[in-house]
Amino acid sequence: MWSQYALSERERQAGEQLSQETTGHLVTLLTPLLEVLDTLLDTCLVRTLFETVQALIVWRDASKAMLLSELGAFLASPAHAPAGTKRLSRLLHSPCWHARVIEHFLWTQASQAIASLKSQGETPLLVWDESVLEKPESLTLEGLGSVRSSQAFINPLEAPSSCQACNGSGCWS
């Protein structure tokens, strides 16, 4: 019965080739960042960061969250999940780096991309997702961005409720 689900050799090789190509694209994308982080962090932590991004791409399901222990199981084998979780914890809590390093790197990359587009005579465009804005007037205020707020999702007004004990004048009958 299980043989009907078995992959042929050609299908298996195609899957392996696609996996290698995807890993190659990921290496190309992350190499500049990894080189910057390699000057700040231990090589093992830089490798952990790469493997973490790779595990998130492969195993993340958009409808579910991923626990740190699950991610640790993907970094190491499931039998060694605590070791993988410890590796990830060491990366996240390392005093040698902080989020501003990645923020600065991304800002520099974006600035270079904009300069490159402008030098080619093209107009750089920015996609702005306005799906969750606090108020419409936030669009006109300078320096403000999207904010998650309870005001963003106001339900339409419902019909006023009535009370059987009230006679309509606000007095109890």
N, C-alpha and C. Protein backbone atom coordinates (compact mmCIF):
# COMPACT_ATOMS: atom_id res chain seq x y z
N MET A 1 0.81 -1.19 0.00
CA MET A 1 0.00 0.00 0.00
C MET A 1 0.86 1.26 0.00
N TRP A 2 1.93 1.27 0.81
CA TRP A 2 2.77 2.46 0.90
C TRP A 2 3.59 2.67 -0.37
N SER A 3 3.73 1.64 -1.16
CA SER A 3 4.56 1.76 -2.37
C SER A 3 3.96 2.75 -3.37
N GLN A 4 2.65 2.97 -3.32
CA GLN A 4 2.04 3.92 -4.26
C GLN A 4 2.47 5.36 -3.98
N TYR A 5 2.98 5.63 -2.76
CA TYR A 5 3.42 6.98 -2.41
C TYR A 5 4.93 7.16 -2.56
N ALA A 6 5.63 6.12 -2.93
CA ALA A 6 7.08 6.20 -3.06
C ALA A 6 7.46 7.09 -4.23
N LEU A 7 8.51 7.87 -4.05
CA LEU A 7 9.00 8.74 -5.11
C LEU A 7 9.91 7.96 -6.04
N SER A 8 9.81 8.25 -7.31
CA SER A 8 10.74 7.64 -8.26
C SER A 8 12.11 8.28 -8.08
N GLU A 9 13.12 7.64 -8.62
CA GLU A 9 14.48 8.17 -8.50
C GLU A 9 14.58 9.56 -9.14
N ARG A 10 13.90 9.75 -10.27
CA ARG A 10 13.94 11.04 -10.96
C ARG A 10 13.27 12.13 -10.11
N GLU A 11 12.14 11.82 -9.48
CA GLU A 11 11.47 12.79 -8.62
C GLU A 11 12.32 13.14 -7.40
N ARG A 12 12.99 12.13 -6.84
CA ARG A 12 13.84 12.36 -5.68
C ARG A 12 15.02 13.27 -6.06
N GLN A 13 15.62 13.01 -7.22
CA GLN A 13 16.75 13.83 -7.67
C GLN A 13 16.30 15.26 -7.97
N ALA A 14 15.11 15.42 -8.54
CA ALA A 14 14.59 16.76 -8.83
C ALA A 14 14.38 17.53 -7.53
N GLY A 15 13.86 16.85 -6.51
CA GLY A 15 13.67 17.49 -5.21
C GLY A 15 14.98 17.89 -4.57
N GLU A 16 15.98 17.02 -4.67
CA GLU A 16 17.30 17.34 -4.12
C GLU A 16 17.93 18.51 -4.87
N GLN A 17 17.77 18.55 -6.19
CA GLN A 17 18.33 19.64 -6.98
C GLN A 17 17.65 20.97 -6.62
N LEU A 18 16.34 20.95 -6.48
CA LEU A 18 15.62 22.17 -6.08
C LEU A 18 16.06 22.63 -4.70
N SER A 19 16.26 21.69 -3.79
CA SER A 19 16.71 22.02 -2.44
C SER A 19 18.09 22.67 -2.47
N GLN A 20 18.99 22.13 -3.29
CA GLN A 20 20.33 22.70 -3.40
C GLN A 20 20.30 24.09 -4.02
N GLU A 21 19.44 24.28 -5.03
CA GLU A 21 19.32 25.60 -5.66
C GLU A 21 18.77 26.63 -4.67
N THR A 22 17.76 26.22 -3.90
CA THR A 22 17.18 27.13 -2.90
C THR A 22 18.20 27.49 -1.83
N THR A 23 18.97 26.51 -1.39
CA THR A 23 20.02 26.78 -0.41
C THR A 23 21.07 27.72 -0.99
N GLY A 24 21.40 27.53 -2.26
CA GLY A 24 22.35 28.43 -2.92
C GLY A 24 21.85 29.86 -2.98
N HIS A 25 20.56 30.03 -3.29
CA HIS A 25 19.97 31.38 -3.30
C HIS A 25 19.99 32.00 -1.90
N LEU A 26 19.71 31.18 -0.89
CA LEU A 26 19.72 31.68 0.49
C LEU A 26 21.13 32.10 0.90
N VAL A 27 22.13 31.31 0.51
CA VAL A 27 23.52 31.66 0.81
C VAL A 27 23.88 32.98 0.14
N THR A 28 23.48 33.14 -1.13
CA THR A 28 23.77 34.38 -1.86
C THR A 28 23.11 35.57 -1.18
N LEU A 29 21.88 35.40 -0.73
CA LEU A 29 21.14 36.48 -0.08
C LEU A 29 21.73 36.86 1.27
N LEU A 30 22.11 35.86 2.06
CA LEU A 30 22.56 36.12 3.43
C LEU A 30 24.06 36.34 3.59
N THR A 31 24.86 36.04 2.57
CA THR A 31 26.31 36.15 2.71
C THR A 31 26.77 37.53 3.16
N PRO A 32 26.28 38.63 2.58
CA PRO A 32 26.75 39.94 3.07
C PRO A 32 26.45 40.17 4.56
N LEU A 33 25.28 39.77 5.01
CA LEU A 33 24.94 39.92 6.43
C LEU A 33 25.80 39.01 7.28
N LEU A 34 26.00 37.77 6.84
CA LEU A 34 26.80 36.83 7.61
C LEU A 34 28.25 37.30 7.72
N GLU A 35 28.76 37.95 6.68
CA GLU A 35 30.13 38.49 6.73
C GLU A 35 30.23 39.60 7.77
N VAL A 36 29.21 40.45 7.84
CA VAL A 36 29.20 41.51 8.86
C VAL A 36 29.14 40.90 10.25
N LEU A 37 28.25 39.93 10.43
CA LEU A 37 28.09 39.31 11.75
C LEU A 37 29.31 38.48 12.14
N ASP A 38 30.05 37.98 11.14
CA ASP A 38 31.24 37.17 11.42
C ASP A 38 32.32 38.01 12.10
N THR A 39 32.30 39.33 11.89
CA THR A 39 33.27 40.19 12.57
C THR A 39 32.88 40.44 14.02
N LEU A 40 31.61 40.22 14.35
CA LEU A 40 31.12 40.49 15.71
C LEU A 40 30.93 39.24 16.55
N LEU A 41 30.58 38.13 15.90
CA LEU A 41 30.18 36.92 16.62
C LEU A 41 31.14 35.77 16.34
N ASP A 42 31.04 34.78 17.18
CA ASP A 42 31.75 33.53 16.96
C ASP A 42 31.19 32.85 15.72
N THR A 43 32.03 32.11 15.01
CA THR A 43 31.61 31.44 13.77
C THR A 43 30.47 30.47 14.01
N CYS A 44 30.47 29.82 15.16
CA CYS A 44 29.37 28.88 15.47
C CYS A 44 28.03 29.61 15.56
N LEU A 45 28.03 30.81 16.12
CA LEU A 45 26.79 31.57 16.23
C LEU A 45 26.32 32.06 14.87
N VAL A 46 27.25 32.42 14.00
CA VAL A 46 26.88 32.84 12.64
C VAL A 46 26.27 31.66 11.89
N ARG A 47 26.85 30.49 12.04
CA ARG A 47 26.31 29.29 11.41
C ARG A 47 24.92 28.97 11.97
N THR A 48 24.74 29.17 13.27
CA THR A 48 23.43 28.95 13.89
C THR A 48 22.40 29.90 13.31
N LEU A 49 22.78 31.16 13.07
CA LEU A 49 21.85 32.11 12.47
C LEU A 49 21.43 31.65 11.07
N PHE A 50 22.39 31.22 10.26
CA PHE A 50 22.06 30.75 8.92
C PHE A 50 21.13 29.55 8.99
N GLU A 51 21.45 28.59 9.84
CA GLU A 51 20.62 27.39 9.96
C GLU A 51 19.23 27.72 10.50
N THR A 52 19.13 28.73 11.36
CA THR A 52 17.83 29.16 11.89
C THR A 52 16.97 29.74 10.78
N VAL A 53 17.54 30.61 9.97
CA VAL A 53 16.79 31.19 8.85
C VAL A 53 16.36 30.09 7.89
N GLN A 54 17.25 29.15 7.64
CA GLN A 54 16.93 28.03 6.75
C GLN A 54 15.80 27.19 7.34
N ALA A 55 15.84 26.90 8.63
CA ALA A 55 14.78 26.11 9.27
C ALA A 55 13.46 26.85 9.25
N LEU A 56 13.49 28.17 9.46
CA LEU A 56 12.25 28.95 9.42
C LEU A 56 11.62 28.91 8.03
N ILE A 57 12.44 28.99 7.00
CA ILE A 57 11.92 28.95 5.63
C ILE A 57 11.32 27.59 5.32
N VAL A 58 11.99 26.54 5.74
CA VAL A 58 11.54 25.18 5.41
C VAL A 58 10.34 24.75 6.24
N TRP A 59 10.36 25.04 7.55
CA TRP A 59 9.39 24.43 8.44
C TRP A 59 8.29 25.35 8.93
N ARG A 60 8.39 26.64 8.74
CA ARG A 60 7.38 27.56 9.28
C ARG A 60 6.06 27.40 8.55
N ASP A 61 5.01 27.29 9.31
CA ASP A 61 3.66 27.23 8.77
C ASP A 61 2.98 28.54 9.13
N ALA A 62 2.43 29.22 8.14
CA ALA A 62 1.86 30.55 8.36
C ALA A 62 0.69 30.53 9.34
N SER A 63 0.00 29.41 9.45
CA SER A 63 -1.16 29.38 10.33
C SER A 63 -0.82 29.04 11.78
N LYS A 64 0.44 28.63 12.03
CA LYS A 64 0.82 28.25 13.38
C LYS A 64 2.11 28.95 13.78
N ALA A 65 2.26 29.17 15.05
CA ALA A 65 3.51 29.74 15.56
C ALA A 65 4.52 28.61 15.76
N MET A 66 5.78 28.96 15.85
CA MET A 66 6.81 27.97 16.08
C MET A 66 7.46 28.26 17.43
N LEU A 67 7.50 27.26 18.28
CA LEU A 67 8.11 27.42 19.58
C LEU A 67 9.63 27.36 19.47
N LEU A 68 10.29 27.94 20.43
CA LEU A 68 11.75 27.93 20.44
C LEU A 68 12.28 26.50 20.50
N SER A 69 11.61 25.65 21.26
CA SER A 69 12.05 24.26 21.36
C SER A 69 11.87 23.51 20.04
N GLU A 70 10.80 23.84 19.28
CA GLU A 70 10.62 23.22 17.97
C GLU A 70 11.71 23.66 17.02
N LEU A 71 12.04 24.92 17.06
CA LEU A 71 13.11 25.43 16.21
C LEU A 71 14.44 24.79 16.59
N GLY A 72 14.64 24.58 17.88
CA GLY A 72 15.84 23.88 18.34
C GLY A 72 15.91 22.46 17.82
N ALA A 73 14.75 21.80 17.70
CA ALA A 73 14.71 20.44 17.15
C ALA A 73 15.04 20.44 15.67
N PHE A 74 14.74 21.51 14.97
CA PHE A 74 15.09 21.59 13.55
C PHE A 74 16.56 21.92 13.36
N LEU A 75 17.16 22.65 14.31
CA LEU A 75 18.58 22.96 14.21
C LEU A 75 19.43 21.72 14.47
N ALA A 76 19.06 20.97 15.47
CA ALA A 76 19.70 19.70 15.75
C ALA A 76 18.68 18.63 15.37
N SER A 77 18.91 17.41 15.71
CA SER A 77 17.90 16.39 15.45
C SER A 77 16.86 16.46 16.58
N PRO A 78 15.66 15.88 16.36
CA PRO A 78 14.66 15.91 17.44
C PRO A 78 15.16 15.29 18.75
N ALA A 79 16.05 14.31 18.63
CA ALA A 79 16.59 13.70 19.85
C ALA A 79 17.49 14.67 20.61
N HIS A 80 18.04 15.65 19.90
CA HIS A 80 18.94 16.63 20.52
C HIS A 80 18.34 18.03 20.52
N ALA A 81 17.02 18.11 20.62
CA ALA A 81 16.32 19.40 20.60
C ALA A 81 16.81 20.36 21.68
N PRO A 82 17.07 19.90 22.92
CA PRO A 82 17.58 20.85 23.92
C PRO A 82 18.91 21.49 23.52
N ALA A 83 19.77 20.73 22.84
CA ALA A 83 21.05 21.29 22.39
C ALA A 83 20.82 22.35 21.32
N GLY A 84 19.90 22.09 20.40
CA GLY A 84 19.58 23.07 19.37
C GLY A 84 18.95 24.32 19.97
N THR A 85 18.11 24.13 20.97
CA THR A 85 17.49 25.27 21.65
C THR A 85 18.55 26.10 22.38
N LYS A 86 19.52 25.42 22.98
CA LYS A 86 20.60 26.14 23.66
C LYS A 86 21.45 26.93 22.67
N ARG A 87 21.73 26.35 21.49
CA ARG A 87 22.48 27.08 20.45
C ARG A 87 21.74 28.35 20.06
N LEU A 88 20.44 28.23 19.85
CA LEU A 88 19.64 29.39 19.46
C LEU A 88 19.58 30.42 20.59
N SER A 89 19.47 29.96 21.82
CA SER A 89 19.46 30.85 22.97
C SER A 89 20.78 31.61 23.09
N ARG A 90 21.90 30.92 22.87
CA ARG A 90 23.21 31.58 22.91
C ARG A 90 23.30 32.66 21.84
N LEU A 91 22.73 32.39 20.66
CA LEU A 91 22.75 33.39 19.58
C LEU A 91 21.92 34.60 19.97
N LEU A 92 20.71 34.37 20.46
CA LEU A 92 19.81 35.47 20.78
C LEU A 92 20.30 36.33 21.95
N HIS A 93 20.96 35.70 22.91
CA HIS A 93 21.39 36.42 24.11
C HIS A 93 22.85 36.84 24.08
N SER A 94 23.51 36.69 22.95
CA SER A 94 24.91 37.08 22.86
C SER A 94 25.06 38.59 23.07
N PRO A 95 25.96 39.01 23.95
CA PRO A 95 26.16 40.44 24.18
C PRO A 95 26.94 41.12 23.05
N CYS A 96 27.44 40.35 22.10
CA CYS A 96 28.28 40.89 21.03
C CYS A 96 27.50 41.53 19.89
N TRP A 97 26.20 41.41 19.90
CA TRP A 97 25.42 42.00 18.81
C TRP A 97 24.04 42.34 19.32
N HIS A 98 23.30 43.12 18.52
CA HIS A 98 21.93 43.49 18.86
C HIS A 98 21.18 43.74 17.56
N ALA A 99 19.91 44.03 17.67
CA ALA A 99 19.05 44.18 16.48
C ALA A 99 19.49 45.33 15.60
N ARG A 100 20.13 46.34 16.18
CA ARG A 100 20.55 47.50 15.38
C ARG A 100 21.59 47.11 14.32
N VAL A 101 22.34 46.05 14.56
CA VAL A 101 23.32 45.60 13.57
C VAL A 101 22.60 45.19 12.29
N ILE A 102 21.55 44.39 12.44
CA ILE A 102 20.78 43.94 11.28
C ILE A 102 20.02 45.12 10.68
N GLU A 103 19.46 45.98 11.53
CA GLU A 103 18.74 47.15 11.03
C GLU A 103 19.66 48.05 10.20
N HIS A 104 20.87 48.28 10.69
CA HIS A 104 21.84 49.11 9.96
C HIS A 104 22.23 48.45 8.64
N PHE A 105 22.43 47.14 8.68
CA PHE A 105 22.77 46.41 7.46
C PHE A 105 21.67 46.54 6.41
N LEU A 106 20.42 46.32 6.83
CA LEU A 106 19.30 46.41 5.89
C LEU A 106 19.14 47.83 5.35
N TRP A 107 19.34 48.83 6.20
CA TRP A 107 19.22 50.23 5.77
C TRP A 107 20.31 50.54 4.73
N THR A 108 21.52 50.06 4.97
CA THR A 108 22.61 50.28 4.03
C THR A 108 22.31 49.61 2.69
N GLN A 109 21.82 48.37 2.74
CA GLN A 109 21.48 47.65 1.51
C GLN A 109 20.39 48.39 0.74
N ALA A 110 19.37 48.87 1.44
CA ALA A 110 18.27 49.59 0.79
C ALA A 110 18.77 50.89 0.19
N SER A 111 19.64 51.60 0.91
CA SER A 111 20.19 52.86 0.39
C SER A 111 21.00 52.62 -0.87
N GLN A 112 21.77 51.53 -0.89
CA GLN A 112 22.56 51.20 -2.08
C GLN A 112 21.64 50.84 -3.25
N ALA A 113 20.57 50.11 -2.97
CA ALA A 113 19.63 49.74 -4.04
C ALA A 113 18.95 50.98 -4.61
N ILE A 114 18.58 51.92 -3.76
CA ILE A 114 17.95 53.16 -4.22
C ILE A 114 18.93 53.98 -5.05
N ALA A 115 20.17 54.09 -4.58
CA ALA A 115 21.19 54.83 -5.33
C ALA A 115 21.44 54.19 -6.69
N SER A 116 21.45 52.86 -6.72
CA SER A 116 21.66 52.15 -7.98
C SER A 116 20.51 52.41 -8.96
N LEU A 117 19.28 52.37 -8.46
CA LEU A 117 18.13 52.64 -9.33
C LEU A 117 18.15 54.08 -9.84
N LYS A 118 18.49 55.02 -8.96
CA LYS A 118 18.53 56.42 -9.38
C LYS A 118 19.63 56.66 -10.41
N SER A 119 20.77 56.00 -10.25
CA SER A 119 21.86 56.18 -11.22
C SER A 119 21.51 55.61 -12.59
N GLN A 120 20.58 54.65 -12.62
CA GLN A 120 20.12 54.08 -13.89
C GLN A 120 18.95 54.87 -14.46
N GLY A 121 18.55 55.93 -13.78
CA GLY A 121 17.46 56.77 -14.26
C GLY A 121 16.08 56.23 -13.95
N GLU A 122 15.98 55.26 -13.05
CA GLU A 122 14.69 54.68 -12.69
C GLU A 122 14.19 55.31 -11.39
N THR A 123 12.89 55.24 -11.20
CA THR A 123 12.28 55.77 -9.98
C THR A 123 12.10 54.63 -8.98
N PRO A 124 12.74 54.70 -7.82
CA PRO A 124 12.53 53.65 -6.82
C PRO A 124 11.13 53.77 -6.21
N LEU A 125 10.48 52.65 -6.04
CA LEU A 125 9.13 52.62 -5.47
C LEU A 125 9.16 51.86 -4.15
N LEU A 126 8.23 52.22 -3.29
CA LEU A 126 8.11 51.60 -1.99
C LEU A 126 6.69 51.08 -1.83
N VAL A 127 6.56 49.85 -1.39
CA VAL A 127 5.24 49.28 -1.13
C VAL A 127 4.90 49.56 0.33
N TRP A 128 3.75 50.18 0.54
CA TRP A 128 3.32 50.52 1.89
C TRP A 128 1.99 49.84 2.15
N ASP A 129 1.96 48.92 3.08
CA ASP A 129 0.75 48.19 3.43
C ASP A 129 0.00 48.96 4.51
N GLU A 130 -1.17 49.47 4.17
CA GLU A 130 -1.97 50.25 5.11
C GLU A 130 -3.09 49.42 5.72
N SER A 131 -2.93 48.12 5.81
CA SER A 131 -4.03 47.27 6.25
C SER A 131 -4.39 47.48 7.71
N VAL A 132 -3.46 47.90 8.56
CA VAL A 132 -3.75 48.10 9.97
C VAL A 132 -3.26 49.49 10.36
N LEU A 133 -4.10 50.48 10.20
CA LEU A 133 -3.78 51.83 10.63
C LEU A 133 -4.66 52.20 11.80
N GLU A 134 -4.12 52.97 12.70
CA GLU A 134 -4.90 53.36 13.88
C GLU A 134 -6.05 54.27 13.47
N LYS A 135 -5.76 55.32 12.74
CA LYS A 135 -6.78 56.29 12.34
C LYS A 135 -6.45 56.79 10.95
N PRO A 136 -7.45 57.24 10.19
CA PRO A 136 -7.16 57.78 8.87
C PRO A 136 -6.25 59.00 8.92
N GLU A 137 -6.35 59.79 9.97
CA GLU A 137 -5.52 60.99 10.03
C GLU A 137 -4.05 60.67 10.25
N SER A 138 -3.72 59.42 10.59
CA SER A 138 -2.33 59.05 10.76
C SER A 138 -1.57 59.15 9.45
N LEU A 139 -2.28 59.05 8.32
CA LEU A 139 -1.63 59.16 7.02
C LEU A 139 -1.06 60.55 6.79
N THR A 140 -1.69 61.57 7.35
CA THR A 140 -1.27 62.94 7.09
C THR A 140 -0.23 63.43 8.08
N LEU A 141 -0.06 62.76 9.21
CA LEU A 141 0.92 63.19 10.19
C LEU A 141 2.30 62.68 9.80
N GLU A 142 3.27 63.56 9.87
CA GLU A 142 4.61 63.21 9.46
C GLU A 142 5.30 62.40 10.54
N GLY A 143 6.02 61.38 10.13
CA GLY A 143 6.81 60.60 11.06
C GLY A 143 6.07 59.49 11.76
N LEU A 144 4.81 59.29 11.47
CA LEU A 144 4.07 58.21 12.11
C LEU A 144 3.88 57.06 11.13
N GLY A 145 3.85 55.86 11.64
CA GLY A 145 3.64 54.70 10.81
C GLY A 145 2.45 53.90 11.28
N SER A 146 2.30 52.71 10.74
CA SER A 146 1.19 51.84 11.10
C SER A 146 1.29 51.42 12.55
N VAL A 147 0.15 51.33 13.21
CA VAL A 147 0.09 50.97 14.61
C VAL A 147 -1.04 49.97 14.80
N ARG A 148 -0.80 48.94 15.58
CA ARG A 148 -1.88 48.03 15.93
C ARG A 148 -2.68 48.65 17.06
N SER A 149 -3.98 48.69 16.90
CA SER A 149 -4.80 49.36 17.89
C SER A 149 -6.19 48.74 17.91
N SER A 150 -6.83 48.84 19.05
CA SER A 150 -8.21 48.36 19.13
C SER A 150 -9.14 49.25 18.32
N GLN A 151 -8.74 50.49 18.05
CA GLN A 151 -9.57 51.40 17.27
C GLN A 151 -9.57 51.03 15.79
N ALA A 152 -8.60 50.24 15.36
CA ALA A 152 -8.48 49.93 13.94
C ALA A 152 -9.60 49.00 13.47
N PHE A 153 -10.18 48.26 14.36
CA PHE A 153 -11.20 47.29 13.98
C PHE A 153 -12.48 47.54 14.75
N ILE A 154 -13.11 48.66 14.55
CA ILE A 154 -14.35 48.98 15.25
C ILE A 154 -15.50 48.28 14.54
N ASN A 155 -16.32 47.60 15.31
CA ASN A 155 -17.50 46.95 14.74
C ASN A 155 -18.55 48.01 14.43
N PRO A 156 -19.36 47.80 13.39
CA PRO A 156 -20.41 48.78 13.10
C PRO A 156 -21.38 48.89 14.28
N LEU A 157 -21.97 50.07 14.42
CA LEU A 157 -22.91 50.29 15.52
C LEU A 157 -24.11 49.37 15.39
N GLU A 158 -24.51 48.84 16.48
CA GLU A 158 -25.67 47.97 16.50
C GLU A 158 -26.89 48.78 16.93
N ALA A 159 -28.06 48.19 16.76
CA ALA A 159 -29.30 48.86 17.18
C ALA A 159 -29.28 49.04 18.69
N PRO A 160 -29.85 50.13 19.20
CA PRO A 160 -29.85 50.33 20.64
C PRO A 160 -30.64 49.23 21.34
N SER A 161 -30.16 48.86 22.51
CA SER A 161 -30.86 47.82 23.25
C SER A 161 -32.03 48.43 24.01
N SER A 162 -33.04 47.63 24.26
CA SER A 162 -34.21 48.12 25.00
C SER A 162 -34.37 47.31 26.27
N CYS A 163 -35.02 47.90 27.23
CA CYS A 163 -35.24 47.27 28.52
C CYS A 163 -36.74 47.18 28.77
N GLN A 164 -37.20 45.99 29.13
CA GLN A 164 -38.64 45.80 29.37
C GLN A 164 -39.12 46.57 30.59
N ALA A 165 -38.23 46.82 31.54
CA ALA A 165 -38.65 47.51 32.78
C ALA A 165 -38.75 49.01 32.59
N CYS A 166 -38.21 49.54 31.51
CA CYS A 166 -38.25 51.00 31.27
C CYS A 166 -39.51 51.34 30.48
N ASN A 167 -40.09 52.50 30.77
CA ASN A 167 -41.28 52.93 30.04
C ASN A 167 -40.93 53.91 28.92
N GLY A 168 -39.67 54.09 28.63
CA GLY A 168 -39.26 54.97 27.55
C GLY A 168 -38.85 56.34 28.03
N SER A 169 -39.21 56.72 29.25
CA SER A 169 -38.85 58.04 29.75
C SER A 169 -37.61 57.99 30.63
N GLY A 170 -37.02 56.82 30.75
CA GLY A 170 -35.85 56.68 31.60
C GLY A 170 -36.22 56.32 33.03
N CYS A 171 -37.53 56.18 33.32
CA CYS A 171 -37.97 55.84 34.68
C CYS A 171 -38.40 54.39 34.70
N TRP A 172 -38.24 53.80 35.85
CA TRP A 172 -38.70 52.43 36.01
C TRP A 172 -40.21 52.42 36.17
N SER A 173 -40.85 51.46 35.57
CA SER A 173 -42.31 51.38 35.68
C SER A 173 -42.73 50.56 36.87
